Amino acid sequence: MPTIARLPKSQIRIFGKEHPPPHFHIRANDGSKAAVTIMTLRVLAGEIPQPALSEALQWAEANRLLLMRLWKENNP
């Protein structure tokens, strides 16, 4: 799936054919990556700079329903 959101410090993505739990990926502008659960907003894997993580988590909290809908559409 294409990028869902382009933020000043990061991008938010959801991929198809993924493993549970429902999660999204953050790619920071420096190329670092992290996977984060949609429901708890906890980092599952990876590590990115704190400013990029904070920005992405703030966006994700405000858009949790969209993230879950897109997860379900791409991971039936």
Protein backbone atom coordinates (compact mmCIF):
# COMPACT_ATOMS: atom_id res chain seq x y z
CA MET A 1 0.00 0.00 0.00
CA PRO A 2 1.23 3.48 -0.67
CA THR A 3 2.16 5.85 2.08
CA ILE A 4 -0.88 6.84 4.15
CA ALA A 5 0.53 10.07 5.58
CA ARG A 6 3.57 12.22 4.88
CA LEU A 7 4.53 14.15 7.98
CA PRO A 8 7.39 16.66 8.35
CA LYS A 9 9.68 14.12 10.06
CA SER A 10 8.25 10.76 8.92
CA GLN A 11 5.88 8.72 6.76
CA ILE A 12 3.15 6.31 7.87
CA ARG A 13 2.56 3.09 5.89
CA ILE A 14 0.47 -0.08 6.09
CA PHE A 15 1.41 -3.17 4.10
CA GLY A 16 -0.70 -6.12 2.96
CA LYS A 17 -0.13 -9.76 3.87
CA GLU A 18 1.23 -8.79 7.29
CA HIS A 19 1.34 -10.68 10.58
CA PRO A 20 -0.82 -9.79 13.60
CA PRO A 21 -1.24 -7.74 15.67
CA PRO A 22 -2.60 -4.95 13.48
CA HIS A 23 0.21 -2.45 13.06
CA PHE A 24 1.63 0.30 10.89
CA HIS A 25 5.13 1.25 9.85
CA ILE A 26 6.91 4.53 10.42
CA ARG A 27 9.81 5.58 8.23
CA ALA A 28 11.72 8.56 9.56
CA ASN A 29 13.34 11.01 7.16
CA ASP A 30 16.77 9.62 8.10
CA GLY A 31 15.71 6.18 6.78
CA SER A 32 15.20 4.51 10.16
CA LYS A 33 12.04 2.43 10.62
CA ALA A 34 9.71 1.16 13.32
CA ALA A 35 6.53 -0.93 13.47
CA VAL A 36 3.83 0.19 15.93
CA THR A 37 0.61 -1.52 17.07
CA ILE A 38 -2.55 0.33 16.15
CA MET A 39 -4.45 -0.38 19.35
CA THR A 40 -1.76 0.39 21.94
CA LEU A 41 0.65 2.54 19.89
CA ARG A 42 3.55 0.51 21.28
CA VAL A 43 6.67 -0.02 19.20
CA LEU A 44 6.88 -3.67 18.09
CA ALA A 45 10.19 -3.49 16.25
CA GLY A 46 12.73 -1.00 15.06
CA GLU A 47 13.93 2.31 16.36
CA ILE A 48 13.58 5.85 15.08
CA PRO A 49 14.51 9.26 16.48
CA GLN A 50 12.20 10.46 19.25
CA PRO A 51 10.96 13.57 17.38
CA ALA A 52 9.83 11.44 14.42
CA LEU A 53 8.27 8.84 16.72
CA SER A 54 6.37 11.46 18.72
CA GLU A 55 5.06 13.09 15.55
CA ALA A 56 3.92 9.76 14.10
CA LEU A 57 2.28 8.60 17.33
CA GLN A 58 0.39 11.86 17.68
CA TRP A 59 -0.89 11.48 14.11
CA ALA A 60 -1.75 7.80 14.71
CA GLU A 61 -3.70 8.54 17.88
CA ALA A 62 -5.87 11.03 15.98
CA ASN A 63 -6.30 8.60 13.05
CA ARG A 64 -6.59 5.23 14.77
CA LEU A 65 -9.92 4.36 13.10
CA LEU A 66 -8.47 5.05 9.66
CA LEU A 67 -5.43 2.91 10.43
CA MET A 68 -7.59 0.00 11.59
CA ARG A 69 -9.84 0.25 8.54
CA LEU A 70 -6.85 0.24 6.19
CA TRP A 71 -5.27 -2.67 8.08
CA LYS A 72 -8.45 -4.73 7.68
CA GLU A 73 -8.77 -3.84 3.98
CA ASN A 74 -5.18 -4.91 3.27
CA ASN A 75 -5.01 -7.88 5.66
CA PRO A 76 -8.34 -9.73 5.41
